[in-house]
Amino acid sequence: VAAANERKPQTVREALCRSLGHGPPLIDHAARQAGLPQGGLTPLPLANPELLDALFTQLSLLDDWFEGVTAGTIEPLGIISLKRHVGGVKKPAVAVATAAAAAADDK
C-alpha cells in the first residue's frame, strides 16, 4: 500500500538515486558527462534515445570504475566534495582534483 502512495520521480537524479542507491553528486556527474541539458535535474521522461544511451554508458563507466577501485586495479584520484554550511551560510568546500581527474571530466 505504501508503494502505491509513493510519488513518481520527477527528475533523472531522483529516479536514479532511488533505483541505484547512488548519491546526487554521482548521478549529477554522470548526467552532465552524458550531455543531459540540465544534468541530474533534467525532467522525466527522458525521451531522447541518444541521451538515454549516453546516460547508461556513463553509469556503466562509473560502475566499472567502482569495481576497479574495489578490486584494487584502479587508484582513485581527486576528491569530490559537497557544499558545507558554516554558521548557517552555504560556502563551497575546497575541492582537490588531480590533472587526471580533471582530464576524465573532459571526456
N, C-alpha and C. Protein backbone atom coordinates (compact mmCIF):
# COMPACT_ATOMS: atom_id res chain seq x y z
N VAL A 1 0.83 -1.19 0.00
CA VAL A 1 0.00 0.00 0.00
C VAL A 1 0.88 1.25 0.00
N ALA A 2 1.99 1.23 0.74
CA ALA A 2 2.87 2.41 0.80
C ALA A 2 3.46 2.71 -0.57
N ALA A 3 3.81 1.67 -1.35
CA ALA A 3 4.39 1.88 -2.67
C ALA A 3 3.39 2.56 -3.60
N ALA A 4 2.11 2.26 -3.46
CA ALA A 4 1.09 2.86 -4.30
C ALA A 4 0.96 4.36 -4.02
N ASN A 5 1.27 4.79 -2.80
CA ASN A 5 1.16 6.19 -2.43
C ASN A 5 2.43 6.98 -2.72
N GLU A 6 3.51 6.30 -3.08
CA GLU A 6 4.79 6.96 -3.31
C GLU A 6 4.73 7.77 -4.60
N ARG A 7 5.22 8.99 -4.54
CA ARG A 7 5.23 9.89 -5.69
C ARG A 7 6.25 9.41 -6.71
N LYS A 8 5.90 9.51 -7.99
CA LYS A 8 6.82 9.12 -9.06
C LYS A 8 7.97 10.13 -9.10
N PRO A 9 9.17 9.67 -9.44
CA PRO A 9 10.29 10.59 -9.54
C PRO A 9 10.04 11.60 -10.66
N GLN A 10 10.48 12.82 -10.44
CA GLN A 10 10.26 13.90 -11.40
C GLN A 10 11.50 14.21 -12.24
N THR A 11 12.70 13.84 -11.74
CA THR A 11 13.94 14.16 -12.44
C THR A 11 14.80 12.92 -12.59
N VAL A 12 15.78 13.02 -13.47
CA VAL A 12 16.73 11.93 -13.66
C VAL A 12 17.43 11.62 -12.34
N ARG A 13 17.84 12.68 -11.62
CA ARG A 13 18.54 12.49 -10.34
C ARG A 13 17.68 11.71 -9.36
N GLU A 14 16.44 12.12 -9.22
CA GLU A 14 15.55 11.46 -8.26
C GLU A 14 15.33 9.99 -8.62
N ALA A 15 15.11 9.72 -9.89
CA ALA A 15 14.87 8.33 -10.32
C ALA A 15 16.09 7.45 -10.09
N LEU A 16 17.27 7.96 -10.47
CA LEU A 16 18.47 7.13 -10.36
C LEU A 16 18.96 7.00 -8.93
N CYS A 17 18.82 8.03 -8.14
CA CYS A 17 19.20 7.91 -6.72
C CYS A 17 18.34 6.86 -6.04
N ARG A 18 17.05 6.86 -6.33
CA ARG A 18 16.16 5.86 -5.73
C ARG A 18 16.48 4.46 -6.21
N SER A 19 16.68 4.31 -7.51
CA SER A 19 16.82 2.96 -8.06
C SER A 19 18.22 2.38 -7.88
N LEU A 20 19.25 3.21 -7.97
CA LEU A 20 20.62 2.70 -7.89
C LEU A 20 21.26 2.86 -6.52
N GLY A 21 20.72 3.77 -5.72
CA GLY A 21 21.28 3.98 -4.39
C GLY A 21 22.51 4.87 -4.38
N HIS A 22 22.85 5.47 -5.52
CA HIS A 22 23.97 6.41 -5.57
C HIS A 22 23.50 7.77 -5.05
N GLY A 23 24.45 8.57 -4.57
CA GLY A 23 24.13 9.90 -4.09
C GLY A 23 23.95 10.88 -5.24
N PRO A 24 23.29 12.00 -4.97
CA PRO A 24 23.05 13.00 -6.00
C PRO A 24 24.30 13.50 -6.73
N PRO A 25 25.44 13.74 -6.05
CA PRO A 25 26.61 14.22 -6.81
C PRO A 25 27.08 13.23 -7.88
N LEU A 26 27.02 11.96 -7.58
CA LEU A 26 27.45 10.95 -8.54
C LEU A 26 26.50 10.89 -9.74
N ILE A 27 25.21 10.95 -9.47
CA ILE A 27 24.21 10.94 -10.54
C ILE A 27 24.34 12.21 -11.38
N ASP A 28 24.53 13.35 -10.72
CA ASP A 28 24.69 14.61 -11.45
C ASP A 28 25.92 14.56 -12.35
N HIS A 29 27.00 13.98 -11.85
CA HIS A 29 28.23 13.85 -12.64
C HIS A 29 27.96 13.02 -13.90
N ALA A 30 27.32 11.87 -13.73
CA ALA A 30 27.02 11.00 -14.87
C ALA A 30 26.10 11.71 -15.87
N ALA A 31 25.12 12.42 -15.36
CA ALA A 31 24.17 13.11 -16.24
C ALA A 31 24.87 14.22 -17.02
N ARG A 32 25.75 14.98 -16.37
CA ARG A 32 26.49 16.04 -17.07
C ARG A 32 27.42 15.44 -18.12
N GLN A 33 28.11 14.36 -17.76
CA GLN A 33 29.01 13.71 -18.71
C GLN A 33 28.24 13.15 -19.90
N ALA A 34 26.99 12.76 -19.69
CA ALA A 34 26.17 12.21 -20.77
C ALA A 34 25.59 13.30 -21.66
N GLY A 35 25.72 14.55 -21.22
CA GLY A 35 25.23 15.66 -22.03
C GLY A 35 23.78 16.03 -21.79
N LEU A 36 23.21 15.59 -20.68
CA LEU A 36 21.83 15.97 -20.38
C LEU A 36 21.78 17.48 -20.16
N PRO A 37 20.79 18.15 -20.74
CA PRO A 37 20.77 19.61 -20.74
C PRO A 37 20.75 20.25 -19.36
N GLN A 38 20.13 19.60 -18.40
CA GLN A 38 20.07 20.15 -17.04
C GLN A 38 20.74 19.22 -16.03
N GLY A 39 21.65 18.37 -16.51
CA GLY A 39 22.30 17.43 -15.62
C GLY A 39 21.28 16.53 -14.96
N GLY A 40 21.48 16.27 -13.67
CA GLY A 40 20.56 15.42 -12.92
C GLY A 40 19.18 16.00 -12.74
N LEU A 41 19.05 17.29 -12.96
CA LEU A 41 17.74 17.95 -12.80
C LEU A 41 16.91 17.89 -14.08
N THR A 42 17.40 17.18 -15.09
CA THR A 42 16.64 17.01 -16.32
C THR A 42 15.34 16.31 -15.98
N PRO A 43 14.21 16.88 -16.41
CA PRO A 43 12.92 16.28 -16.06
C PRO A 43 12.66 14.96 -16.78
N LEU A 44 11.86 14.13 -16.15
CA LEU A 44 11.42 12.88 -16.76
C LEU A 44 10.08 13.12 -17.46
N PRO A 45 9.75 12.34 -18.48
CA PRO A 45 10.53 11.23 -19.02
C PRO A 45 11.66 11.74 -19.91
N LEU A 46 12.71 10.96 -19.97
CA LEU A 46 13.85 11.26 -20.82
C LEU A 46 13.60 10.56 -22.15
N ALA A 47 13.06 11.30 -23.11
CA ALA A 47 12.57 10.70 -24.35
C ALA A 47 13.63 10.60 -25.44
N ASN A 48 14.74 11.33 -25.34
CA ASN A 48 15.76 11.32 -26.37
C ASN A 48 16.60 10.04 -26.25
N PRO A 49 16.51 9.13 -27.23
CA PRO A 49 17.23 7.86 -27.11
C PRO A 49 18.75 8.02 -27.06
N GLU A 50 19.29 9.05 -27.75
CA GLU A 50 20.73 9.26 -27.72
C GLU A 50 21.20 9.67 -26.33
N LEU A 51 20.44 10.56 -25.69
CA LEU A 51 20.80 10.98 -24.32
C LEU A 51 20.64 9.82 -23.34
N LEU A 52 19.62 9.02 -23.53
CA LEU A 52 19.40 7.86 -22.66
C LEU A 52 20.56 6.87 -22.79
N ASP A 53 20.97 6.59 -24.03
CA ASP A 53 22.13 5.70 -24.25
C ASP A 53 23.39 6.28 -23.64
N ALA A 54 23.60 7.60 -23.81
CA ALA A 54 24.79 8.25 -23.24
C ALA A 54 24.77 8.17 -21.72
N LEU A 55 23.60 8.32 -21.11
CA LEU A 55 23.48 8.23 -19.66
C LEU A 55 23.81 6.82 -19.18
N PHE A 56 23.27 5.81 -19.86
CA PHE A 56 23.58 4.43 -19.47
C PHE A 56 25.07 4.12 -19.64
N THR A 57 25.67 4.68 -20.68
CA THR A 57 27.12 4.50 -20.89
C THR A 57 27.90 5.10 -19.72
N GLN A 58 27.55 6.31 -19.31
CA GLN A 58 28.25 6.96 -18.20
C GLN A 58 28.05 6.19 -16.90
N LEU A 59 26.86 5.70 -16.67
CA LEU A 59 26.61 4.92 -15.45
C LEU A 59 27.41 3.63 -15.46
N SER A 60 27.54 3.02 -16.64
CA SER A 60 28.34 1.80 -16.77
C SER A 60 29.81 2.09 -16.51
N LEU A 61 30.31 3.23 -17.02
CA LEU A 61 31.70 3.61 -16.76
C LEU A 61 31.95 3.83 -15.27
N LEU A 62 31.00 4.48 -14.60
CA LEU A 62 31.15 4.67 -13.15
C LEU A 62 31.14 3.34 -12.41
N ASP A 63 30.28 2.44 -12.83
CA ASP A 63 30.22 1.12 -12.20
C ASP A 63 31.54 0.38 -12.40
N ASP A 64 32.07 0.44 -13.62
CA ASP A 64 33.37 -0.19 -13.89
C ASP A 64 34.47 0.42 -13.02
N TRP A 65 34.42 1.76 -12.85
CA TRP A 65 35.41 2.45 -12.03
C TRP A 65 35.33 1.97 -10.58
N PHE A 66 34.12 1.89 -10.04
CA PHE A 66 33.96 1.42 -8.66
C PHE A 66 34.45 0.00 -8.50
N GLU A 67 34.16 -0.85 -9.48
CA GLU A 67 34.64 -2.23 -9.42
C GLU A 67 36.16 -2.27 -9.43
N GLY A 68 36.79 -1.42 -10.24
CA GLY A 68 38.24 -1.36 -10.29
C GLY A 68 38.85 -0.88 -8.99
N VAL A 69 38.22 0.12 -8.38
CA VAL A 69 38.70 0.61 -7.08
C VAL A 69 38.57 -0.48 -6.03
N THR A 70 37.43 -1.16 -6.03
CA THR A 70 37.20 -2.24 -5.06
C THR A 70 38.20 -3.38 -5.26
N ALA A 71 38.49 -3.71 -6.51
CA ALA A 71 39.42 -4.81 -6.81
C ALA A 71 40.88 -4.40 -6.63
N GLY A 72 41.13 -3.10 -6.52
CA GLY A 72 42.50 -2.62 -6.36
C GLY A 72 43.23 -2.41 -7.67
N THR A 73 42.53 -2.49 -8.79
CA THR A 73 43.17 -2.29 -10.09
C THR A 73 43.15 -0.82 -10.52
N ILE A 74 42.36 -0.01 -9.85
CA ILE A 74 42.29 1.42 -10.13
C ILE A 74 42.52 2.17 -8.83
N GLU A 75 43.39 3.17 -8.89
CA GLU A 75 43.62 4.01 -7.72
C GLU A 75 42.84 5.31 -7.91
N PRO A 76 41.91 5.59 -7.00
CA PRO A 76 41.11 6.81 -7.17
C PRO A 76 41.97 8.06 -7.04
N LEU A 77 41.70 9.04 -7.89
CA LEU A 77 42.42 10.31 -7.88
C LEU A 77 41.43 11.44 -7.67
N GLY A 78 41.80 12.42 -6.87
CA GLY A 78 40.94 13.57 -6.65
C GLY A 78 39.91 13.33 -5.57
N ILE A 79 39.24 14.39 -5.22
CA ILE A 79 38.23 14.33 -4.16
C ILE A 79 37.00 15.06 -4.66
N ILE A 80 35.84 14.44 -4.51
CA ILE A 80 34.58 15.12 -4.80
C ILE A 80 34.07 15.64 -3.47
N SER A 81 33.80 16.92 -3.39
CA SER A 81 33.32 17.47 -2.12
C SER A 81 31.98 18.15 -2.32
N LEU A 82 31.30 18.33 -1.22
CA LEU A 82 29.98 18.96 -1.21
C LEU A 82 30.07 20.32 -0.56
N LYS A 83 29.02 21.12 -0.73
CA LYS A 83 28.97 22.39 -0.03
C LYS A 83 28.72 22.11 1.45
N ARG A 84 29.32 22.92 2.28
CA ARG A 84 29.09 22.76 3.72
C ARG A 84 28.49 24.05 4.26
N HIS A 85 27.80 23.93 5.34
CA HIS A 85 27.16 25.08 5.97
C HIS A 85 28.05 25.56 7.11
N VAL A 86 28.49 26.80 7.02
CA VAL A 86 29.33 27.38 8.06
C VAL A 86 28.54 28.53 8.66
N GLY A 87 28.13 28.37 9.90
CA GLY A 87 27.36 29.43 10.55
C GLY A 87 26.06 29.72 9.85
N GLY A 88 25.44 28.69 9.26
CA GLY A 88 24.17 28.86 8.59
C GLY A 88 24.28 29.41 7.17
N VAL A 89 25.51 29.65 6.69
CA VAL A 89 25.71 30.19 5.35
C VAL A 89 26.37 29.12 4.49
N LYS A 90 25.82 28.91 3.29
CA LYS A 90 26.43 27.94 2.37
C LYS A 90 27.73 28.52 1.84
N LYS A 91 28.80 27.78 2.01
CA LYS A 91 30.10 28.16 1.46
C LYS A 91 30.67 26.94 0.76
N PRO A 92 31.27 27.14 -0.41
CA PRO A 92 31.83 25.98 -1.10
C PRO A 92 33.01 25.41 -0.34
N ALA A 93 33.03 24.11 -0.20
CA ALA A 93 34.18 23.43 0.39
C ALA A 93 35.27 23.37 -0.67
N VAL A 94 36.48 23.27 -0.25
CA VAL A 94 37.60 23.20 -1.19
C VAL A 94 37.60 21.83 -1.84
N ALA A 95 37.67 21.82 -3.16
CA ALA A 95 37.74 20.55 -3.89
C ALA A 95 39.15 20.40 -4.45
N VAL A 96 39.74 19.26 -4.21
CA VAL A 96 41.07 18.97 -4.72
C VAL A 96 40.92 17.98 -5.86
N ALA A 97 41.47 18.32 -7.01
CA ALA A 97 41.40 17.41 -8.13
C ALA A 97 42.75 17.33 -8.80
N THR A 98 43.10 16.16 -9.23
CA THR A 98 44.37 15.98 -9.93
C THR A 98 44.16 16.25 -11.41
N ALA A 99 45.22 16.37 -12.13
CA ALA A 99 45.12 16.58 -13.58
C ALA A 99 44.39 15.41 -14.23
N ALA A 100 44.60 14.21 -13.72
CA ALA A 100 43.92 13.04 -14.29
C ALA A 100 42.43 13.12 -14.07
N ALA A 101 42.00 13.54 -12.89
CA ALA A 101 40.58 13.66 -12.62
C ALA A 101 39.96 14.75 -13.47
N ALA A 102 40.66 15.86 -13.65
CA ALA A 102 40.17 16.95 -14.49
C ALA A 102 40.07 16.49 -15.94
N ALA A 103 41.06 15.72 -16.38
CA ALA A 103 41.04 15.22 -17.75
C ALA A 103 39.89 14.25 -17.96
N ALA A 104 39.58 13.45 -16.95
CA ALA A 104 38.47 12.50 -17.06
C ALA A 104 37.15 13.22 -17.22
N ASP A 105 37.00 14.41 -16.60
CA ASP A 105 35.79 15.18 -16.74
C ASP A 105 35.61 15.74 -18.15
N ASP A 106 36.72 15.93 -18.85
CA ASP A 106 36.67 16.49 -20.19
C ASP A 106 36.27 15.47 -21.24
N LYS A 107 36.27 14.20 -20.89
CA LYS A 107 35.94 13.13 -21.87
C LYS A 107 34.45 13.01 -22.02
